[in-house]
Amino acid sequence: GLVQPILFLGWTLNFEMFFYLLFALCIRLHHREIVVTLIVMAIAALG
C-alpha cells in the first residue's frame, strides 16, 4: 500500500528525476532558475 519502487528509497529519486525534467525543460530560458522555482511552487500549490 506504499508508493515505493523495488528499491524503496528510490521514491526520492522519482522526485529528483521529476525536478531534473522540469529544469531541463527550462534550461534555455533566460531566467531559468526563477521559472523552475515558480513551476515547483505552482505544482505544490495544486497538490
ModelCIF file with pLDDT and N, C-alpha, C, O atoms, coordinates in Angstrom:
data_MODEL
#
_entry.id   MODEL 
#
_entity.id                         1 
_entity.type                       polymer 
_entity.pdbx_number_of_molecules   1 
#
_entity_poly.entity_id                      1 
_entity_poly.type                           'polypeptide(L)' 
_entity_poly.nstd_linkage                   no 
_entity_poly.nstd_monomer                   no 
_entity_poly.pdbx_seq_one_letter_code       GLVQPILFLGWTLNFEMFFYLLFALCIRLHHREIVVTLIVMAIAALG 
_entity_poly.pdbx_seq_one_letter_code_can   GLVQPILFLGWTLNFEMFFYLLFALCIRLHHREIVVTLIVMAIAALG 
_entity_poly.pdbx_strand_id                 A 
#
loop_
_entity_poly_seq.entity_id 
_entity_poly_seq.num 
_entity_poly_seq.mon_id 
_entity_poly_seq.hetero 
1 1  GLY n 
1 2  LEU n 
1 3  VAL n 
1 4  GLN n 
1 5  PRO n 
1 6  ILE n 
1 7  LEU n 
1 8  PHE n 
1 9  LEU n 
1 10 GLY n 
1 11 TRP n 
1 12 THR n 
1 13 LEU n 
1 14 ASN n 
1 15 PHE n 
1 16 GLU n 
1 17 MET n 
1 18 PHE n 
1 19 PHE n 
1 20 TYR n 
1 21 LEU n 
1 22 LEU n 
1 23 PHE n 
1 24 ALA n 
1 25 LEU n 
1 26 CYS n 
1 27 ILE n 
1 28 ARG n 
1 29 LEU n 
1 30 HIS n 
1 31 HIS n 
1 32 ARG n 
1 33 GLU n 
1 34 ILE n 
1 35 VAL n 
1 36 VAL n 
1 37 THR n 
1 38 LEU n 
1 39 ILE n 
1 40 VAL n 
1 41 MET n 
1 42 ALA n 
1 43 ILE n 
1 44 ALA n 
1 45 ALA n 
1 46 LEU n 
1 47 GLY n 
#
_struct_asym.id          A 
_struct_asym.entity_id   1 
#
loop_
_ma_qa_metric.id 
_ma_qa_metric.mode 
_ma_qa_metric.name 
_ma_qa_metric.software_group_id 
_ma_qa_metric.type 
1 global pLDDT . pLDDT 
2 local  pLDDT . pLDDT 
#
_ma_qa_metric_global.metric_id      1 
_ma_qa_metric_global.metric_value   95.34 
_ma_qa_metric_global.model_id       1 
_ma_qa_metric_global.ordinal_id     1 
#
loop_
_ma_qa_metric_local.label_asym_id 
_ma_qa_metric_local.label_comp_id 
_ma_qa_metric_local.label_seq_id 
_ma_qa_metric_local.metric_id 
_ma_qa_metric_local.metric_value 
_ma_qa_metric_local.model_id 
_ma_qa_metric_local.ordinal_id 
A GLY 1  2 86.00 1 1  
A LEU 2  2 89.00 1 2  
A VAL 3  2 93.00 1 3  
A GLN 4  2 93.00 1 4  
A PRO 5  2 94.00 1 5  
A ILE 6  2 93.00 1 6  
A LEU 7  2 94.00 1 7  
A PHE 8  2 92.00 1 8  
A LEU 9  2 94.00 1 9  
A GLY 10 2 94.00 1 10 
A TRP 11 2 96.00 1 11 
A THR 12 2 97.00 1 12 
A LEU 13 2 97.00 1 13 
A ASN 14 2 97.00 1 14 
A PHE 15 2 98.00 1 15 
A GLU 16 2 97.00 1 16 
A MET 17 2 97.00 1 17 
A PHE 18 2 98.00 1 18 
A PHE 19 2 98.00 1 19 
A TYR 20 2 98.00 1 20 
A LEU 21 2 97.00 1 21 
A LEU 22 2 97.00 1 22 
A PHE 23 2 97.00 1 23 
A ALA 24 2 97.00 1 24 
A LEU 25 2 96.00 1 25 
A CYS 26 2 96.00 1 26 
A ILE 27 2 95.00 1 27 
A ARG 28 2 93.00 1 28 
A LEU 29 2 92.00 1 29 
A HIS 30 2 89.00 1 30 
A HIS 31 2 92.00 1 31 
A ARG 32 2 95.00 1 32 
A GLU 33 2 96.00 1 33 
A ILE 34 2 96.00 1 34 
A VAL 35 2 97.00 1 35 
A VAL 36 2 97.00 1 36 
A THR 37 2 97.00 1 37 
A LEU 38 2 97.00 1 38 
A ILE 39 2 97.00 1 39 
A VAL 40 2 98.00 1 40 
A MET 41 2 97.00 1 41 
A ALA 42 2 97.00 1 42 
A ILE 43 2 97.00 1 43 
A ALA 44 2 97.00 1 44 
A ALA 45 2 96.00 1 45 
A LEU 46 2 96.00 1 46 
A GLY 47 2 95.00 1 47 
#
loop_
_atom_site.group_PDB 
_atom_site.id 
_atom_site.type_symbol 
_atom_site.label_atom_id 
_atom_site.label_alt_id 
_atom_site.label_comp_id 
_atom_site.label_asym_id 
_atom_site.label_entity_id 
_atom_site.label_seq_id 
_atom_site.pdbx_PDB_ins_code 
_atom_site.Cartn_x 
_atom_site.Cartn_y 
_atom_site.Cartn_z 
_atom_site.occupancy 
_atom_site.B_iso_or_equiv 
_atom_site.pdbx_formal_charge 
_atom_site.auth_seq_id 
_atom_site.auth_comp_id 
_atom_site.auth_asym_id 
_atom_site.auth_atom_id 
_atom_site.pdbx_PDB_model_num 
ATOM 1   N N  . GLY A 1 1  ? 0.791  -1.224 0.000   1.00 86.00 ? 1  GLY A N  1 
ATOM 2   C CA . GLY A 1 1  ? 0.000  0.000  0.000   1.00 86.00 ? 1  GLY A CA 1 
ATOM 3   C C  . GLY A 1 1  ? 0.819  1.268  0.000   1.00 86.00 ? 1  GLY A C  1 
ATOM 4   O O  . GLY A 1 1  ? 0.276  2.359  0.171   1.00 86.00 ? 1  GLY A O  1 
ATOM 5   N N  . LEU A 1 2  ? 2.133  1.140  -0.192  1.00 89.00 ? 2  LEU A N  1 
ATOM 6   C CA . LEU A 1 2  ? 3.020  2.295  -0.195  1.00 89.00 ? 2  LEU A CA 1 
ATOM 7   C C  . LEU A 1 2  ? 3.438  2.634  -1.616  1.00 89.00 ? 2  LEU A C  1 
ATOM 8   O O  . LEU A 1 2  ? 3.582  1.747  -2.458  1.00 89.00 ? 2  LEU A O  1 
ATOM 9   N N  . VAL A 1 3  ? 3.632  3.921  -1.878  1.00 93.00 ? 3  VAL A N  1 
ATOM 10  C CA . VAL A 1 3  ? 4.085  4.357  -3.195  1.00 93.00 ? 3  VAL A CA 1 
ATOM 11  C C  . VAL A 1 3  ? 5.605  4.336  -3.190  1.00 93.00 ? 3  VAL A C  1 
ATOM 12  O O  . VAL A 1 3  ? 6.259  5.339  -2.903  1.00 93.00 ? 3  VAL A O  1 
ATOM 13  N N  . GLN A 1 4  ? 6.155  3.162  -3.516  1.00 93.00 ? 4  GLN A N  1 
ATOM 14  C CA . GLN A 1 4  ? 7.600  2.950  -3.479  1.00 93.00 ? 4  GLN A CA 1 
ATOM 15  C C  . GLN A 1 4  ? 8.008  2.013  -4.606  1.00 93.00 ? 4  GLN A C  1 
ATOM 16  O O  . GLN A 1 4  ? 7.272  1.081  -4.929  1.00 93.00 ? 4  GLN A O  1 
ATOM 17  N N  . PRO A 1 5  ? 9.176  2.246  -5.214  1.00 94.00 ? 5  PRO A N  1 
ATOM 18  C CA . PRO A 1 5  ? 9.691  1.311  -6.210  1.00 94.00 ? 5  PRO A CA 1 
ATOM 19  C C  . PRO A 1 5  ? 10.311 0.090  -5.533  1.00 94.00 ? 5  PRO A C  1 
ATOM 20  O O  . PRO A 1 5  ? 10.244 -0.042 -4.311  1.00 94.00 ? 5  PRO A O  1 
ATOM 21  N N  . ILE A 1 6  ? 10.900 -0.783 -6.307  1.00 93.00 ? 6  ILE A N  1 
ATOM 22  C CA . ILE A 1 6  ? 11.502 -2.001 -5.764  1.00 93.00 ? 6  ILE A CA 1 
ATOM 23  C C  . ILE A 1 6  ? 12.555 -1.667 -4.730  1.00 93.00 ? 6  ILE A C  1 
ATOM 24  O O  . ILE A 1 6  ? 12.538 -2.215 -3.628  1.00 93.00 ? 6  ILE A O  1 
ATOM 25  N N  . LEU A 1 7  ? 13.469 -0.777 -5.068  1.00 94.00 ? 7  LEU A N  1 
ATOM 26  C CA . LEU A 1 7  ? 14.414 -0.253 -4.085  1.00 94.00 ? 7  LEU A CA 1 
ATOM 27  C C  . LEU A 1 7  ? 13.691 0.907  -3.413  1.00 94.00 ? 7  LEU A C  1 
ATOM 28  O O  . LEU A 1 7  ? 13.619 2.003  -3.968  1.00 94.00 ? 7  LEU A O  1 
ATOM 29  N N  . PHE A 1 8  ? 13.154 0.667  -2.214  1.00 92.00 ? 8  PHE A N  1 
ATOM 30  C CA . PHE A 1 8  ? 12.089 1.531  -1.704  1.00 92.00 ? 8  PHE A CA 1 
ATOM 31  C C  . PHE A 1 8  ? 12.492 2.984  -1.538  1.00 92.00 ? 8  PHE A C  1 
ATOM 32  O O  . PHE A 1 8  ? 11.653 3.870  -1.700  1.00 92.00 ? 8  PHE A O  1 
ATOM 33  N N  . LEU A 1 9  ? 13.763 3.258  -1.217  1.00 94.00 ? 9  LEU A N  1 
ATOM 34  C CA . LEU A 1 9  ? 14.174 4.652  -1.096  1.00 94.00 ? 9  LEU A CA 1 
ATOM 35  C C  . LEU A 1 9  ? 14.251 5.350  -2.447  1.00 94.00 ? 9  LEU A C  1 
ATOM 36  O O  . LEU A 1 9  ? 14.485 6.556  -2.519  1.00 94.00 ? 9  LEU A O  1 
ATOM 37  N N  . GLY A 1 10 ? 14.055 4.589  -3.512  1.00 94.00 ? 10 GLY A N  1 
ATOM 38  C CA . GLY A 1 10 ? 14.000 5.185  -4.838  1.00 94.00 ? 10 GLY A CA 1 
ATOM 39  C C  . GLY A 1 10 ? 12.830 6.129  -5.027  1.00 94.00 ? 10 GLY A C  1 
ATOM 40  O O  . GLY A 1 10 ? 12.782 6.855  -6.021  1.00 94.00 ? 10 GLY A O  1 
ATOM 41  N N  . TRP A 1 11 ? 11.870 6.139  -4.081  1.00 96.00 ? 11 TRP A N  1 
ATOM 42  C CA . TRP A 1 11 ? 10.771 7.106  -4.219  1.00 96.00 ? 11 TRP A CA 1 
ATOM 43  C C  . TRP A 1 11 ? 11.309 8.535  -4.244  1.00 96.00 ? 11 TRP A C  1 
ATOM 44  O O  . TRP A 1 11 ? 10.728 9.409  -4.888  1.00 96.00 ? 11 TRP A O  1 
ATOM 45  N N  . THR A 1 12 ? 12.420 8.771  -3.542  1.00 97.00 ? 12 THR A N  1 
ATOM 46  C CA . THR A 1 12 ? 13.001 10.113 -3.560  1.00 97.00 ? 12 THR A CA 1 
ATOM 47  C C  . THR A 1 12 ? 13.656 10.404 -4.907  1.00 97.00 ? 12 THR A C  1 
ATOM 48  O O  . THR A 1 12 ? 13.700 11.554 -5.342  1.00 97.00 ? 12 THR A O  1 
ATOM 49  N N  . LEU A 1 13 ? 14.164 9.364  -5.567  1.00 97.00 ? 13 LEU A N  1 
ATOM 50  C CA . LEU A 1 13 ? 14.741 9.559  -6.898  1.00 97.00 ? 13 LEU A CA 1 
ATOM 51  C C  . LEU A 1 13 ? 13.666 9.890  -7.916  1.00 97.00 ? 13 LEU A C  1 
ATOM 52  O O  . LEU A 1 13 ? 13.937 10.565 -8.909  1.00 97.00 ? 13 LEU A O  1 
ATOM 53  N N  . ASN A 1 14 ? 12.451 9.422  -7.678  1.00 97.00 ? 14 ASN A N  1 
ATOM 54  C CA . ASN A 1 14 ? 11.339 9.842  -8.549  1.00 97.00 ? 14 ASN A CA 1 
ATOM 55  C C  . ASN A 1 14 ? 11.207 11.357 -8.524  1.00 97.00 ? 14 ASN A C  1 
ATOM 56  O O  . ASN A 1 14 ? 11.011 11.989 -9.562  1.00 97.00 ? 14 ASN A O  1 
ATOM 57  N N  . PHE A 1 15 ? 11.314 11.935 -7.331  1.00 98.00 ? 15 PHE A N  1 
ATOM 58  C CA . PHE A 1 15 ? 11.243 13.393 -7.214  1.00 98.00 ? 15 PHE A CA 1 
ATOM 59  C C  . PHE A 1 15 ? 12.459 14.054 -7.851  1.00 98.00 ? 15 PHE A C  1 
ATOM 60  O O  . PHE A 1 15 ? 12.334 15.072 -8.531  1.00 98.00 ? 15 PHE A O  1 
ATOM 61  N N  . GLU A 1 16 ? 13.635 13.470 -7.628  1.00 97.00 ? 16 GLU A N  1 
ATOM 62  C CA . GLU A 1 16 ? 14.846 14.019 -8.237  1.00 97.00 ? 16 GLU A CA 1 
ATOM 63  C C  . GLU A 1 16 ? 14.701 14.068 -9.751  1.00 97.00 ? 16 GLU A C  1 
ATOM 64  O O  . GLU A 1 16 ? 14.960 15.099 -10.372 1.00 97.00 ? 16 GLU A O  1 
ATOM 65  N N  . MET A 1 17 ? 14.287 12.953 -10.344 1.00 97.00 ? 17 MET A N  1 
ATOM 66  C CA . MET A 1 17 ? 14.160 12.897 -11.792 1.00 97.00 ? 17 MET A CA 1 
ATOM 67  C C  . MET A 1 17 ? 13.089 13.859 -12.299 1.00 97.00 ? 17 MET A C  1 
ATOM 68  O O  . MET A 1 17 ? 13.233 14.444 -13.372 1.00 97.00 ? 17 MET A O  1 
ATOM 69  N N  . PHE A 1 18 ? 12.040 14.018 -11.545 1.00 98.00 ? 18 PHE A N  1 
ATOM 70  C CA . PHE A 1 18 ? 10.989 14.963 -11.910 1.00 98.00 ? 18 PHE A CA 1 
ATOM 71  C C  . PHE A 1 18 ? 11.537 16.383 -11.918 1.00 98.00 ? 18 PHE A C  1 
ATOM 72  O O  . PHE A 1 18 ? 11.262 17.152 -12.839 1.00 98.00 ? 18 PHE A O  1 
ATOM 73  N N  . PHE A 1 19 ? 12.308 16.732 -10.901 1.00 98.00 ? 19 PHE A N  1 
ATOM 74  C CA . PHE A 1 19 ? 12.915 18.060 -10.856 1.00 98.00 ? 19 PHE A CA 1 
ATOM 75  C C  . PHE A 1 19 ? 13.919 18.238 -11.995 1.00 98.00 ? 19 PHE A C  1 
ATOM 76  O O  . PHE A 1 19 ? 13.985 19.310 -12.597 1.00 98.00 ? 19 PHE A O  1 
ATOM 77  N N  . TYR A 1 20 ? 14.703 17.193 -12.296 1.00 98.00 ? 20 TYR A N  1 
ATOM 78  C CA . TYR A 1 20 ? 15.638 17.277 -13.411 1.00 98.00 ? 20 TYR A CA 1 
ATOM 79  C C  . TYR A 1 20 ? 14.900 17.561 -14.715 1.00 98.00 ? 20 TYR A C  1 
ATOM 80  O O  . TYR A 1 20 ? 15.346 18.370 -15.528 1.00 98.00 ? 20 TYR A O  1 
ATOM 81  N N  . LEU A 1 21 ? 13.777 16.893 -14.905 1.00 97.00 ? 21 LEU A N  1 
ATOM 82  C CA . LEU A 1 21 ? 12.992 17.081 -16.121 1.00 97.00 ? 21 LEU A CA 1 
ATOM 83  C C  . LEU A 1 21 ? 12.473 18.517 -16.217 1.00 97.00 ? 21 LEU A C  1 
ATOM 84  O O  . LEU A 1 21 ? 12.557 19.147 -17.271 1.00 97.00 ? 21 LEU A O  1 
ATOM 85  N N  . LEU A 1 22 ? 11.936 19.023 -15.109 1.00 97.00 ? 22 LEU A N  1 
ATOM 86  C CA . LEU A 1 22 ? 11.463 20.410 -15.106 1.00 97.00 ? 22 LEU A CA 1 
ATOM 87  C C  . LEU A 1 22 ? 12.594 21.373 -15.423 1.00 97.00 ? 22 LEU A C  1 
ATOM 88  O O  . LEU A 1 22 ? 12.420 22.312 -16.200 1.00 97.00 ? 22 LEU A O  1 
ATOM 89  N N  . PHE A 1 23 ? 13.745 21.141 -14.824 1.00 97.00 ? 23 PHE A N  1 
ATOM 90  C CA . PHE A 1 23 ? 14.885 22.017 -15.054 1.00 97.00 ? 23 PHE A CA 1 
ATOM 91  C C  . PHE A 1 23 ? 15.340 21.931 -16.504 1.00 97.00 ? 23 PHE A C  1 
ATOM 92  O O  . PHE A 1 23 ? 15.673 22.946 -17.116 1.00 97.00 ? 23 PHE A O  1 
ATOM 93  N N  . ALA A 1 24 ? 15.356 20.716 -17.056 1.00 97.00 ? 24 ALA A N  1 
ATOM 94  C CA . ALA A 1 24 ? 15.768 20.539 -18.450 1.00 97.00 ? 24 ALA A CA 1 
ATOM 95  C C  . ALA A 1 24 ? 14.832 21.289 -19.396 1.00 97.00 ? 24 ALA A C  1 
ATOM 96  O O  . ALA A 1 24 ? 15.282 21.858 -20.390 1.00 97.00 ? 24 ALA A O  1 
ATOM 97  N N  . LEU A 1 25 ? 13.545 21.292 -19.094 1.00 96.00 ? 25 LEU A N  1 
ATOM 98  C CA . LEU A 1 25 ? 12.575 21.988 -19.937 1.00 96.00 ? 25 LEU A CA 1 
ATOM 99  C C  . LEU A 1 25 ? 12.774 23.508 -19.904 1.00 96.00 ? 25 LEU A C  1 
ATOM 100 O O  . LEU A 1 25 ? 12.413 24.217 -20.842 1.00 96.00 ? 25 LEU A O  1 
ATOM 101 N N  . CYS A 1 26 ? 13.355 23.985 -18.804 1.00 96.00 ? 26 CYS A N  1 
ATOM 102 C CA . CYS A 1 26 ? 13.556 25.433 -18.649 1.00 96.00 ? 26 CYS A CA 1 
ATOM 103 C C  . CYS A 1 26 ? 14.974 25.879 -18.997 1.00 96.00 ? 26 CYS A C  1 
ATOM 104 O O  . CYS A 1 26 ? 15.288 27.064 -18.891 1.00 96.00 ? 26 CYS A O  1 
ATOM 105 N N  . ILE A 1 27 ? 15.825 24.959 -19.406 1.00 95.00 ? 27 ILE A N  1 
ATOM 106 C CA . ILE A 1 27 ? 17.261 25.224 -19.417 1.00 95.00 ? 27 ILE A CA 1 
ATOM 107 C C  . ILE A 1 27 ? 17.672 26.307 -20.408 1.00 95.00 ? 27 ILE A C  1 
ATOM 108 O O  . ILE A 1 27 ? 18.703 26.951 -20.209 1.00 95.00 ? 27 ILE A O  1 
ATOM 109 N N  . ARG A 1 28 ? 16.903 26.526 -21.461 1.00 93.00 ? 28 ARG A N  1 
ATOM 110 C CA . ARG A 1 28 ? 17.263 27.530 -22.452 1.00 93.00 ? 28 ARG A CA 1 
ATOM 111 C C  . ARG A 1 28 ? 16.612 28.892 -22.185 1.00 93.00 ? 28 ARG A C  1 
ATOM 112 O O  . ARG A 1 28 ? 16.815 29.848 -22.934 1.00 93.00 ? 28 ARG A O  1 
ATOM 113 N N  . LEU A 1 29 ? 15.835 28.960 -21.118 1.00 92.00 ? 29 LEU A N  1 
ATOM 114 C CA . LEU A 1 29 ? 15.185 30.228 -20.779 1.00 92.00 ? 29 LEU A CA 1 
ATOM 115 C C  . LEU A 1 29 ? 16.180 31.177 -20.112 1.00 92.00 ? 29 LEU A C  1 
ATOM 116 O O  . LEU A 1 29 ? 17.136 30.745 -19.469 1.00 92.00 ? 29 LEU A O  1 
ATOM 117 N N  . HIS A 1 30 ? 15.938 32.458 -20.277 1.00 89.00 ? 30 HIS A N  1 
ATOM 118 C CA . HIS A 1 30 ? 16.879 33.455 -19.773 1.00 89.00 ? 30 HIS A CA 1 
ATOM 119 C C  . HIS A 1 30 ? 16.957 33.428 -18.249 1.00 89.00 ? 30 HIS A C  1 
ATOM 120 O O  . HIS A 1 30 ? 18.050 33.492 -17.686 1.00 89.00 ? 30 HIS A O  1 
ATOM 121 N N  . HIS A 1 31 ? 15.827 33.335 -17.586 1.00 92.00 ? 31 HIS A N  1 
ATOM 122 C CA . HIS A 1 31 ? 15.800 33.276 -16.125 1.00 92.00 ? 31 HIS A CA 1 
ATOM 123 C C  . HIS A 1 31 ? 15.306 31.894 -15.683 1.00 92.00 ? 31 HIS A C  1 
ATOM 124 O O  . HIS A 1 31 ? 14.297 31.780 -14.987 1.00 92.00 ? 31 HIS A O  1 
ATOM 125 N N  . ARG A 1 32 ? 16.016 30.864 -16.089 1.00 95.00 ? 32 ARG A N  1 
ATOM 126 C CA . ARG A 1 32 ? 15.522 29.504 -15.892 1.00 95.00 ? 32 ARG A CA 1 
ATOM 127 C C  . ARG A 1 32 ? 15.367 29.126 -14.427 1.00 95.00 ? 32 ARG A C  1 
ATOM 128 O O  . ARG A 1 32 ? 14.441 28.398 -14.071 1.00 95.00 ? 32 ARG A O  1 
ATOM 129 N N  . GLU A 1 33 ? 16.264 29.614 -13.572 1.00 96.00 ? 33 GLU A N  1 
ATOM 130 C CA . GLU A 1 33 ? 16.149 29.268 -12.154 1.00 96.00 ? 33 GLU A CA 1 
ATOM 131 C C  . GLU A 1 33 ? 14.873 29.847 -11.540 1.00 96.00 ? 33 GLU A C  1 
ATOM 132 O O  . GLU A 1 33 ? 14.206 29.189 -10.742 1.00 96.00 ? 33 GLU A O  1 
ATOM 133 N N  . ILE A 1 34 ? 14.545 31.075 -11.918 1.00 96.00 ? 34 ILE A N  1 
ATOM 134 C CA . ILE A 1 34 ? 13.326 31.690 -11.397 1.00 96.00 ? 34 ILE A CA 1 
ATOM 135 C C  . ILE A 1 34 ? 12.095 30.967 -11.945 1.00 96.00 ? 34 ILE A C  1 
ATOM 136 O O  . ILE A 1 34 ? 11.132 30.722 -11.219 1.00 96.00 ? 34 ILE A O  1 
ATOM 137 N N  . VAL A 1 35 ? 12.139 30.630 -13.233 1.00 97.00 ? 35 VAL A N  1 
ATOM 138 C CA . VAL A 1 35 ? 10.996 29.959 -13.854 1.00 97.00 ? 35 VAL A CA 1 
ATOM 139 C C  . VAL A 1 35 ? 10.756 28.603 -13.222 1.00 97.00 ? 35 VAL A C  1 
ATOM 140 O O  . VAL A 1 35 ? 9.617  28.268 -12.895 1.00 97.00 ? 35 VAL A O  1 
ATOM 141 N N  . VAL A 1 36 ? 11.815 27.812 -13.042 1.00 97.00 ? 36 VAL A N  1 
ATOM 142 C CA . VAL A 1 36 ? 11.633 26.476 -12.475 1.00 97.00 ? 36 VAL A CA 1 
ATOM 143 C C  . VAL A 1 36 ? 11.161 26.567 -11.024 1.00 97.00 ? 36 VAL A C  1 
ATOM 144 O O  . VAL A 1 36 ? 10.409 25.707 -10.565 1.00 97.00 ? 36 VAL A O  1 
ATOM 145 N N  . THR A 1 37 ? 11.594 27.600 -10.300 1.00 97.00 ? 37 THR A N  1 
ATOM 146 C CA . THR A 1 37 ? 11.111 27.799 -8.931  1.00 97.00 ? 37 THR A CA 1 
ATOM 147 C C  . THR A 1 37 ? 9.621  28.081 -8.919  1.00 97.00 ? 37 THR A C  1 
ATOM 148 O O  . THR A 1 37 ? 8.891  27.526 -8.099  1.00 97.00 ? 37 THR A O  1 
ATOM 149 N N  . LEU A 1 38 ? 9.166  28.933 -9.814  1.00 97.00 ? 38 LEU A N  1 
ATOM 150 C CA . LEU A 1 38 ? 7.737  29.249 -9.890  1.00 97.00 ? 38 LEU A CA 1 
ATOM 151 C C  . LEU A 1 38 ? 6.922  28.011 -10.277 1.00 97.00 ? 38 LEU A C  1 
ATOM 152 O O  . LEU A 1 38 ? 5.819  27.807 -9.770  1.00 97.00 ? 38 LEU A O  1 
ATOM 153 N N  . ILE A 1 39 ? 7.470  27.186 -11.178 1.00 97.00 ? 39 ILE A N  1 
ATOM 154 C CA . ILE A 1 39 ? 6.768  25.968 -11.574 1.00 97.00 ? 39 ILE A CA 1 
ATOM 155 C C  . ILE A 1 39 ? 6.642  25.010 -10.393 1.00 97.00 ? 39 ILE A C  1 
ATOM 156 O O  . ILE A 1 39 ? 5.574  24.445 -10.156 1.00 97.00 ? 39 ILE A O  1 
ATOM 157 N N  . VAL A 1 40 ? 7.724  24.831 -9.663  1.00 98.00 ? 40 VAL A N  1 
ATOM 158 C CA . VAL A 1 40 ? 7.703  23.941 -8.493  1.00 98.00 ? 40 VAL A CA 1 
ATOM 159 C C  . VAL A 1 40 ? 6.686  24.425 -7.471  1.00 98.00 ? 40 VAL A C  1 
ATOM 160 O O  . VAL A 1 40 ? 5.922  23.629 -6.925  1.00 98.00 ? 40 VAL A O  1 
ATOM 161 N N  . MET A 1 41 ? 6.676  25.716 -7.213  1.00 97.00 ? 41 MET A N  1 
ATOM 162 C CA . MET A 1 41 ? 5.724  26.265 -6.245  1.00 97.00 ? 41 MET A CA 1 
ATOM 163 C C  . MET A 1 41 ? 4.284  26.101 -6.726  1.00 97.00 ? 41 MET A C  1 
ATOM 164 O O  . MET A 1 41 ? 3.389  25.809 -5.933  1.00 97.00 ? 41 MET A O  1 
ATOM 165 N N  . ALA A 1 42 ? 4.066  26.289 -8.022  1.00 97.00 ? 42 ALA A N  1 
ATOM 166 C CA . ALA A 1 42 ? 2.720  26.126 -8.573  1.00 97.00 ? 42 ALA A CA 1 
ATOM 167 C C  . ALA A 1 42 ? 2.250  24.679 -8.454  1.00 97.00 ? 42 ALA A C  1 
ATOM 168 O O  . ALA A 1 42 ? 1.091  24.427 -8.128  1.00 97.00 ? 42 ALA A O  1 
ATOM 169 N N  . ILE A 1 43 ? 3.145  23.733 -8.718  1.00 97.00 ? 43 ILE A N  1 
ATOM 170 C CA . ILE A 1 43 ? 2.795  22.316 -8.602  1.00 97.00 ? 43 ILE A CA 1 
ATOM 171 C C  . ILE A 1 43 ? 2.459  21.967 -7.161  1.00 97.00 ? 43 ILE A C  1 
ATOM 172 O O  . ILE A 1 43 ? 1.488  21.256 -6.901  1.00 97.00 ? 43 ILE A O  1 
ATOM 173 N N  . ALA A 1 44 ? 3.262  22.467 -6.220  1.00 97.00 ? 44 ALA A N  1 
ATOM 174 C CA . ALA A 1 44 ? 2.992  22.210 -4.809  1.00 97.00 ? 44 ALA A CA 1 
ATOM 175 C C  . ALA A 1 44 ? 1.661  22.823 -4.382  1.00 97.00 ? 44 ALA A C  1 
ATOM 176 O O  . ALA A 1 44 ? 0.926  22.227 -3.595  1.00 97.00 ? 44 ALA A O  1 
ATOM 177 N N  . ALA A 1 45 ? 1.349  24.011 -4.899  1.00 96.00 ? 45 ALA A N  1 
ATOM 178 C CA . ALA A 1 45 ? 0.072  24.657 -4.585  1.00 96.00 ? 45 ALA A CA 1 
ATOM 179 C C  . ALA A 1 45 ? -1.099 23.851 -5.125  1.00 96.00 ? 45 ALA A C  1 
ATOM 180 O O  . ALA A 1 45 ? -2.120 23.711 -4.452  1.00 96.00 ? 45 ALA A O  1 
ATOM 181 N N  . LEU A 1 46 ? -0.960 23.320 -6.334  1.00 96.00 ? 46 LEU A N  1 
ATOM 182 C CA . LEU A 1 46 ? -2.009 22.472 -6.896  1.00 96.00 ? 46 LEU A CA 1 
ATOM 183 C C  . LEU A 1 46 ? -2.237 21.235 -6.035  1.00 96.00 ? 46 LEU A C  1 
ATOM 184 O O  . LEU A 1 46 ? -3.372 20.842 -5.767  1.00 96.00 ? 46 LEU A O  1 
ATOM 185 N N  . GLY A 1 47 ? -1.128 20.632 -5.608  1.00 95.00 ? 47 GLY A N  1 
ATOM 186 C CA . GLY A 1 47 ? -1.245 19.447 -4.773  1.00 95.00 ? 47 GLY A CA 1 
ATOM 187 C C  . GLY A 1 47 ? -1.886 19.730 -3.430  1.00 95.00 ? 47 GLY A C  1 
ATOM 188 O O  . GLY A 1 47 ? -2.049 18.819 -2.619  1.00 95.00 ? 47 GLY A O  1 
#
